[in-house]
Amino acid sequence: MKWADRYRKLKVRTNSETPADTKIARDFGAEGIGLCRTEHMFFEEDRIHLVRQMIIAKNSKERAGPLKKLKEIQKKDFIDIFKVMGVLPVTVRLLDPPLHEFLPQEESQISELAEDFGMTSNEIKEIISSLHEVNPMLGHRGCRLGISFPEIYEMQCTAIFHALVECKKLKIKSIIPEIMIPLVSTEAEIKIMKDFIY
């Protein structure tokens, strides 16, 4: 590999969403993160409950509470990832999930979620059904999520930028991350998202 390193021009990056995986990849010689899929950062038990609360919220006011908590969680993750990667590039993809995948499918879990949020099982099932898409690539996914619910992408961008500020305070050299806007299909979408992020 040392011989190849003398001649190659390509750099090898990793996919990583956790500080632990980032460290392993760095130890193996990864030269940055090519894709940090932020939707994969939310599946732990303490996090998925907040994401479900965010999804079930009926309006921006109800979403504000869980988003505030998720922002702090994301900020800490980004700080830890930036610490490991140092000056190497980190491409962060903003949230790109089919939202129904965050909600439970089993009857017992639906009942438990309904109880947690003071709702009926039928109300939760209606939400799950309304979010389910036959072809998510053509549906409410990627940047279309950020256009419909800008507070979600605002939370993520704020977490990234606040993490950078914290790294600077800690004298950690960290590059400006590359923010990926997912699944853009029209010029109008990229303009809306660019204006929003900048």
C-alpha atoms as a PDB file:
ATOM      1  CA  MET A   1       0.000   0.000   0.000  1.00  0.00           C
ATOM      2  CA  LYS A   2       2.910   2.362   0.624  1.00  0.00           C
ATOM      3  CA  TRP A   3       3.965   1.803  -2.984  1.00  0.00           C
ATOM      4  CA  ALA A   4       0.423   2.590  -4.164  1.00  0.00           C
ATOM      5  CA  ASP A   5       0.332   5.694  -1.954  1.00  0.00           C
ATOM      6  CA  ARG A   6       3.284   7.121  -3.896  1.00  0.00           C
ATOM      7  CA  TYR A   7       1.293   7.154  -7.138  1.00  0.00           C
ATOM      8  CA  ARG A   8      -2.402   7.319  -6.334  1.00  0.00           C
ATOM      9  CA  LYS A   9      -4.364  10.544  -6.658  1.00  0.00           C
ATOM     10  CA  LEU A  10      -7.632   9.336  -5.168  1.00  0.00           C
ATOM     11  CA  LYS A  11      -8.297   9.766  -1.462  1.00  0.00           C
ATOM     12  CA  VAL A  12     -10.200   7.140   0.501  1.00  0.00           C
ATOM     13  CA  ARG A  13     -12.916   8.342   2.848  1.00  0.00           C
ATOM     14  CA  THR A  14     -15.229   6.423   5.145  1.00  0.00           C
ATOM     15  CA  ASN A  15     -18.942   6.368   5.858  1.00  0.00           C
ATOM     16  CA  SER A  16     -19.342   7.136   9.556  1.00  0.00           C
ATOM     17  CA  GLU A  17     -21.991   8.492  11.904  1.00  0.00           C
ATOM     18  CA  THR A  18     -20.483   7.847  15.330  1.00  0.00           C
ATOM     19  CA  PRO A  19     -17.297   8.979  17.043  1.00  0.00           C
ATOM     20  CA  ALA A  20     -16.377   5.320  17.719  1.00  0.00           C
ATOM     21  CA  ASP A  21     -16.710   4.289  14.055  1.00  0.00           C
ATOM     22  CA  THR A  22     -14.871   7.436  13.014  1.00  0.00           C
ATOM     23  CA  LYS A  23     -11.905   6.524  15.223  1.00  0.00           C
ATOM     24  CA  ILE A  24     -11.781   2.984  13.816  1.00  0.00           C
ATOM     25  CA  ALA A  25     -11.861   4.342  10.266  1.00  0.00           C
ATOM     26  CA  ARG A  26      -9.163   6.898  11.047  1.00  0.00           C
ATOM     27  CA  ASP A  27      -6.975   4.183  12.604  1.00  0.00           C
ATOM     28  CA  PHE A  28      -7.360   2.206   9.353  1.00  0.00           C
ATOM     29  CA  GLY A  29      -6.182   5.219   7.363  1.00  0.00           C
ATOM     30  CA  ALA A  30      -9.408   6.893   6.215  1.00  0.00           C
ATOM     31  CA  GLU A  31      -8.684  10.328   4.797  1.00  0.00           C
ATOM     32  CA  GLY A  32     -11.961  11.895   5.825  1.00  0.00           C
ATOM     33  CA  ILE A  33     -15.657  11.091   6.043  1.00  0.00           C
ATOM     34  CA  GLY A  34     -17.287  10.856   2.640  1.00  0.00           C
ATOM     35  CA  LEU A  35     -20.786  10.436   4.054  1.00  0.00           C
ATOM     36  CA  CYS A  36     -22.111  11.055   7.548  1.00  0.00           C
ATOM     37  CA  ARG A  37     -25.734   9.926   7.250  1.00  0.00           C
ATOM     38  CA  THR A  38     -27.367  11.916  10.027  1.00  0.00           C
ATOM     39  CA  GLU A  39     -30.522   9.781  10.025  1.00  0.00           C
ATOM     40  CA  HIS A  40     -28.353   6.918  11.321  1.00  0.00           C
ATOM     41  CA  MET A  41     -27.438   9.017  14.363  1.00  0.00           C
ATOM     42  CA  PHE A  42     -30.973   8.820  15.768  1.00  0.00           C
ATOM     43  CA  PHE A  43     -31.757   5.121  16.218  1.00  0.00           C
ATOM     44  CA  GLU A  44     -30.471   4.685  19.795  1.00  0.00           C
ATOM     45  CA  GLU A  45     -33.253   4.277  22.351  1.00  0.00           C
ATOM     46  CA  ASP A  46     -32.881   7.693  24.027  1.00  0.00           C
ATOM     47  CA  ARG A  47     -32.765   9.458  20.651  1.00  0.00           C
ATOM     48  CA  ILE A  48     -35.474   7.694  18.702  1.00  0.00           C
ATOM     49  CA  HIS A  49     -38.073   8.724  21.282  1.00  0.00           C
ATOM     50  CA  LEU A  50     -37.250  12.393  20.597  1.00  0.00           C
ATOM     51  CA  VAL A  51     -37.370  11.814  16.829  1.00  0.00           C
ATOM     52  CA  ARG A  52     -40.772  10.167  17.181  1.00  0.00           C
ATOM     53  CA  GLN A  53     -41.948  13.107  19.260  1.00  0.00           C
ATOM     54  CA  MET A  54     -40.715  15.439  16.508  1.00  0.00           C
ATOM     55  CA  ILE A  55     -42.503  13.432  13.784  1.00  0.00           C
ATOM     56  CA  ILE A  56     -45.790  13.185  15.673  1.00  0.00           C
ATOM     57  CA  ALA A  57     -45.824  16.915  16.511  1.00  0.00           C
ATOM     58  CA  LYS A  58     -48.712  18.732  14.860  1.00  0.00           C
ATOM     59  CA  ASN A  59     -46.911  22.056  14.399  1.00  0.00           C
ATOM     60  CA  SER A  60     -43.601  23.920  14.761  1.00  0.00           C
ATOM     61  CA  LYS A  61     -44.341  24.860  18.370  1.00  0.00           C
ATOM     62  CA  GLU A  62     -44.740  21.198  19.366  1.00  0.00           C
ATOM     63  CA  ARG A  63     -41.588  20.274  17.416  1.00  0.00           C
ATOM     64  CA  ALA A  64     -39.486  22.918  19.194  1.00  0.00           C
ATOM     65  CA  GLY A  65     -38.981  20.896  22.417  1.00  0.00           C
ATOM     66  CA  PRO A  66     -37.643  17.669  20.885  1.00  0.00           C
ATOM     67  CA  LEU A  67     -35.615  19.618  18.293  1.00  0.00           C
ATOM     68  CA  LYS A  68     -33.863  21.565  21.052  1.00  0.00           C
ATOM     69  CA  LYS A  69     -32.791  18.308  22.729  1.00  0.00           C
ATOM     70  CA  LEU A  70     -31.785  16.705  19.423  1.00  0.00           C
ATOM     71  CA  LYS A  71     -29.649  19.749  18.588  1.00  0.00           C
ATOM     72  CA  GLU A  72     -27.555  19.235  21.737  1.00  0.00           C
ATOM     73  CA  ILE A  73     -27.162  15.521  20.983  1.00  0.00           C
ATOM     74  CA  GLN A  74     -26.099  16.245  17.392  1.00  0.00           C
ATOM     75  CA  LYS A  75     -23.725  19.001  18.494  1.00  0.00           C
ATOM     76  CA  LYS A  76     -21.929  16.647  20.891  1.00  0.00           C
ATOM     77  CA  ASP A  77     -21.657  13.943  18.211  1.00  0.00           C
ATOM     78  CA  PHE A  78     -20.232  16.422  15.705  1.00  0.00           C
ATOM     79  CA  ILE A  79     -17.712  17.782  18.232  1.00  0.00           C
ATOM     80  CA  ASP A  80     -16.485  14.243  18.925  1.00  0.00           C
ATOM     81  CA  ILE A  81     -16.326  13.384  15.207  1.00  0.00           C
ATOM     82  CA  PHE A  82     -14.461  16.611  14.383  1.00  0.00           C
ATOM     83  CA  LYS A  83     -11.999  15.911  17.216  1.00  0.00           C
ATOM     84  CA  VAL A  84     -11.175  12.520  15.709  1.00  0.00           C
ATOM     85  CA  MET A  85     -10.964  13.742  12.110  1.00  0.00           C
ATOM     86  CA  GLY A  86      -9.007  16.907  12.885  1.00  0.00           C
ATOM     87  CA  VAL A  87      -8.165  18.659   9.629  1.00  0.00           C
ATOM     88  CA  LEU A  88      -9.616  15.900   7.432  1.00  0.00           C
ATOM     89  CA  PRO A  89     -12.862  16.608   5.529  1.00  0.00           C
ATOM     90  CA  VAL A  90     -16.242  15.564   6.900  1.00  0.00           C
ATOM     91  CA  THR A  91     -19.266  15.438   4.574  1.00  0.00           C
ATOM     92  CA  VAL A  92     -22.456  15.704   6.629  1.00  0.00           C
ATOM     93  CA  ARG A  93     -25.667  14.793   4.841  1.00  0.00           C
ATOM     94  CA  LEU A  94     -28.729  16.505   6.258  1.00  0.00           C
ATOM     95  CA  LEU A  95     -31.597  14.284   7.359  1.00  0.00           C
ATOM     96  CA  ASP A  96     -32.820  12.016   4.562  1.00  0.00           C
ATOM     97  CA  PRO A  97     -35.116   9.343   5.947  1.00  0.00           C
ATOM     98  CA  PRO A  98     -38.432   7.878   4.978  1.00  0.00           C
ATOM     99  CA  LEU A  99     -40.017   9.206   8.207  1.00  0.00           C
ATOM    100  CA  HIS A 100     -42.247   6.162   8.722  1.00  0.00           C
ATOM    101  CA  GLU A 101     -39.112   4.050   9.355  1.00  0.00           C
ATOM    102  CA  PHE A 102     -38.618   5.875  12.667  1.00  0.00           C
ATOM    103  CA  LEU A 103     -42.068   4.859  13.881  1.00  0.00           C
ATOM    104  CA  PRO A 104     -42.885   1.406  15.305  1.00  0.00           C
ATOM    105  CA  GLN A 105     -44.587  -1.295  13.262  1.00  0.00           C
ATOM    106  CA  GLU A 106     -45.481  -3.854  15.938  1.00  0.00           C
ATOM    107  CA  GLU A 107     -48.808  -3.536  17.732  1.00  0.00           C
ATOM    108  CA  SER A 108     -47.262  -3.564  21.219  1.00  0.00           C
ATOM    109  CA  GLN A 109     -44.790  -0.807  20.325  1.00  0.00           C
ATOM    110  CA  ILE A 110     -47.540   1.298  18.741  1.00  0.00           C
ATOM    111  CA  SER A 111     -49.629   0.979  21.920  1.00  0.00           C
ATOM    112  CA  GLU A 112     -46.635   1.930  24.054  1.00  0.00           C
ATOM    113  CA  LEU A 113     -45.887   4.981  21.896  1.00  0.00           C
ATOM    114  CA  ALA A 114     -49.537   6.055  21.984  1.00  0.00           C
ATOM    115  CA  GLU A 115     -49.524   5.855  25.771  1.00  0.00           C
ATOM    116  CA  ASP A 116     -46.274   7.841  25.994  1.00  0.00           C
ATOM    117  CA  PHE A 117     -47.712  10.659  23.888  1.00  0.00           C
ATOM    118  CA  GLY A 118     -51.258  10.605  25.265  1.00  0.00           C
ATOM    119  CA  MET A 119     -52.761   9.407  21.996  1.00  0.00           C
ATOM    120  CA  THR A 120     -54.729   6.379  20.821  1.00  0.00           C
ATOM    121  CA  SER A 121     -53.158   3.524  18.880  1.00  0.00           C
ATOM    122  CA  ASN A 122     -55.407   4.403  15.926  1.00  0.00           C
ATOM    123  CA  GLU A 123     -54.068   7.973  15.867  1.00  0.00           C
ATOM    124  CA  ILE A 124     -50.491   6.659  15.747  1.00  0.00           C
ATOM    125  CA  LYS A 125     -51.436   4.188  12.998  1.00  0.00           C
ATOM    126  CA  GLU A 126     -52.972   7.020  10.968  1.00  0.00           C
ATOM    127  CA  ILE A 127     -49.730   8.996  11.232  1.00  0.00           C
ATOM    128  CA  ILE A 128     -47.657   5.958  10.204  1.00  0.00           C
ATOM    129  CA  SER A 129     -49.977   5.321   7.275  1.00  0.00           C
ATOM    130  CA  SER A 130     -49.856   8.968   6.151  1.00  0.00           C
ATOM    131  CA  LEU A 131     -46.045   8.936   6.162  1.00  0.00           C
ATOM    132  CA  HIS A 132     -45.646   5.609   4.339  1.00  0.00           C
ATOM    133  CA  GLU A 133     -44.648   6.006   0.691  1.00  0.00           C
ATOM    134  CA  VAL A 134     -44.623   3.467  -2.125  1.00  0.00           C
ATOM    135  CA  ASN A 135     -41.658   5.216  -3.744  1.00  0.00           C
ATOM    136  CA  PRO A 136     -39.913   7.448  -1.171  1.00  0.00           C
ATOM    137  CA  MET A 137     -37.453   8.686  -3.822  1.00  0.00           C
ATOM    138  CA  LEU A 138     -40.355  10.513  -5.480  1.00  0.00           C
ATOM    139  CA  GLY A 139     -42.087  11.408  -2.250  1.00  0.00           C
ATOM    140  CA  HIS A 140     -41.472  13.449   0.848  1.00  0.00           C
ATOM    141  CA  ARG A 141     -37.797  12.727   1.205  1.00  0.00           C
ATOM    142  CA  GLY A 142     -34.409  14.416   0.970  1.00  0.00           C
ATOM    143  CA  CYS A 143     -34.460  18.177   0.702  1.00  0.00           C
ATOM    144  CA  ARG A 144     -38.272  18.118   0.397  1.00  0.00           C
ATOM    145  CA  LEU A 145     -38.345  17.280   4.105  1.00  0.00           C
ATOM    146  CA  GLY A 146     -36.269  20.401   4.810  1.00  0.00           C
ATOM    147  CA  ILE A 147     -38.505  22.539   2.610  1.00  0.00           C
ATOM    148  CA  SER A 148     -41.667  21.359   4.396  1.00  0.00           C
ATOM    149  CA  PHE A 149     -40.141  21.438   7.881  1.00  0.00           C
ATOM    150  CA  PRO A 150     -37.252  23.950   7.757  1.00  0.00           C
ATOM    151  CA  GLU A 151     -36.852  23.813  11.534  1.00  0.00           C
ATOM    152  CA  ILE A 152     -35.415  20.281  11.199  1.00  0.00           C
ATOM    153  CA  TYR A 153     -32.598  21.348   8.881  1.00  0.00           C
ATOM    154  CA  GLU A 154     -32.128  24.538  10.900  1.00  0.00           C
ATOM    155  CA  MET A 155     -31.527  22.366  13.974  1.00  0.00           C
ATOM    156  CA  GLN A 156     -28.951  20.253  12.134  1.00  0.00           C
ATOM    157  CA  CYS A 157     -27.070  23.187  10.612  1.00  0.00           C
ATOM    158  CA  THR A 158     -27.031  24.975  13.975  1.00  0.00           C
ATOM    159  CA  ALA A 159     -25.628  21.832  15.626  1.00  0.00           C
ATOM    160  CA  ILE A 160     -22.854  21.612  12.992  1.00  0.00           C
ATOM    161  CA  PHE A 161     -21.879  25.279  13.279  1.00  0.00           C
ATOM    162  CA  HIS A 162     -22.065  25.314  17.093  1.00  0.00           C
ATOM    163  CA  ALA A 163     -19.852  22.213  17.140  1.00  0.00           C
ATOM    164  CA  LEU A 164     -17.295  24.086  15.026  1.00  0.00           C
ATOM    165  CA  VAL A 165     -17.378  27.029  17.437  1.00  0.00           C
ATOM    166  CA  GLU A 166     -16.803  24.681  20.388  1.00  0.00           C
ATOM    167  CA  CYS A 167     -13.898  23.011  18.563  1.00  0.00           C
ATOM    168  CA  LYS A 168     -12.337  26.394  17.952  1.00  0.00           C
ATOM    169  CA  LYS A 169     -12.666  27.272  21.651  1.00  0.00           C
ATOM    170  CA  LEU A 170     -10.964  23.979  22.504  1.00  0.00           C
ATOM    171  CA  LYS A 171      -8.151  24.857  20.048  1.00  0.00           C
ATOM    172  CA  ILE A 172      -9.051  21.836  17.933  1.00  0.00           C
ATOM    173  CA  LYS A 173      -8.118  22.295  14.317  1.00  0.00           C
ATOM    174  CA  SER A 174     -11.148  21.333  12.309  1.00  0.00           C
ATOM    175  CA  ILE A 175     -12.062  22.015   8.710  1.00  0.00           C
ATOM    176  CA  ILE A 176     -15.406  23.483   7.769  1.00  0.00           C
ATOM    177  CA  PRO A 177     -17.599  20.458   7.119  1.00  0.00           C
ATOM    178  CA  GLU A 178     -19.054  19.825   3.705  1.00  0.00           C
ATOM    179  CA  ILE A 179     -22.830  19.965   4.112  1.00  0.00           C
ATOM    180  CA  MET A 180     -24.669  17.715   1.669  1.00  0.00           C
ATOM    181  CA  ILE A 181     -28.229  18.630   0.744  1.00  0.00           C
ATOM    182  CA  PRO A 182     -29.898  15.305  -0.057  1.00  0.00           C
ATOM    183  CA  LEU A 183     -31.898  14.335  -3.142  1.00  0.00           C
ATOM    184  CA  VAL A 184     -32.154  17.638  -4.950  1.00  0.00           C
ATOM    185  CA  SER A 185     -34.057  17.255  -8.213  1.00  0.00           C
ATOM    186  CA  THR A 186     -34.881  20.800  -9.329  1.00  0.00           C
ATOM    187  CA  GLU A 187     -33.163  24.161  -9.537  1.00  0.00           C
ATOM    188  CA  ALA A 188     -35.876  25.641  -7.298  1.00  0.00           C
ATOM    189  CA  GLU A 189     -35.071  23.119  -4.546  1.00  0.00           C
ATOM    190  CA  ILE A 190     -31.354  23.890  -4.561  1.00  0.00           C
ATOM    191  CA  LYS A 191     -32.066  27.642  -4.483  1.00  0.00           C
ATOM    192  CA  ILE A 192     -34.420  27.314  -1.495  1.00  0.00           C
ATOM    193  CA  MET A 193     -31.933  25.161   0.413  1.00  0.00           C
ATOM    194  CA  LYS A 194     -28.909  27.297  -0.457  1.00  0.00           C
ATOM    195  CA  ASP A 195     -30.675  30.468   0.689  1.00  0.00           C
ATOM    196  CA  PHE A 196     -31.762  28.671   3.857  1.00  0.00           C
ATOM    197  CA  ILE A 197     -28.320  27.318   4.798  1.00  0.00           C
ATOM    198  CA  TYR A 198     -26.378  30.484   3.967  1.00  0.00           C
END
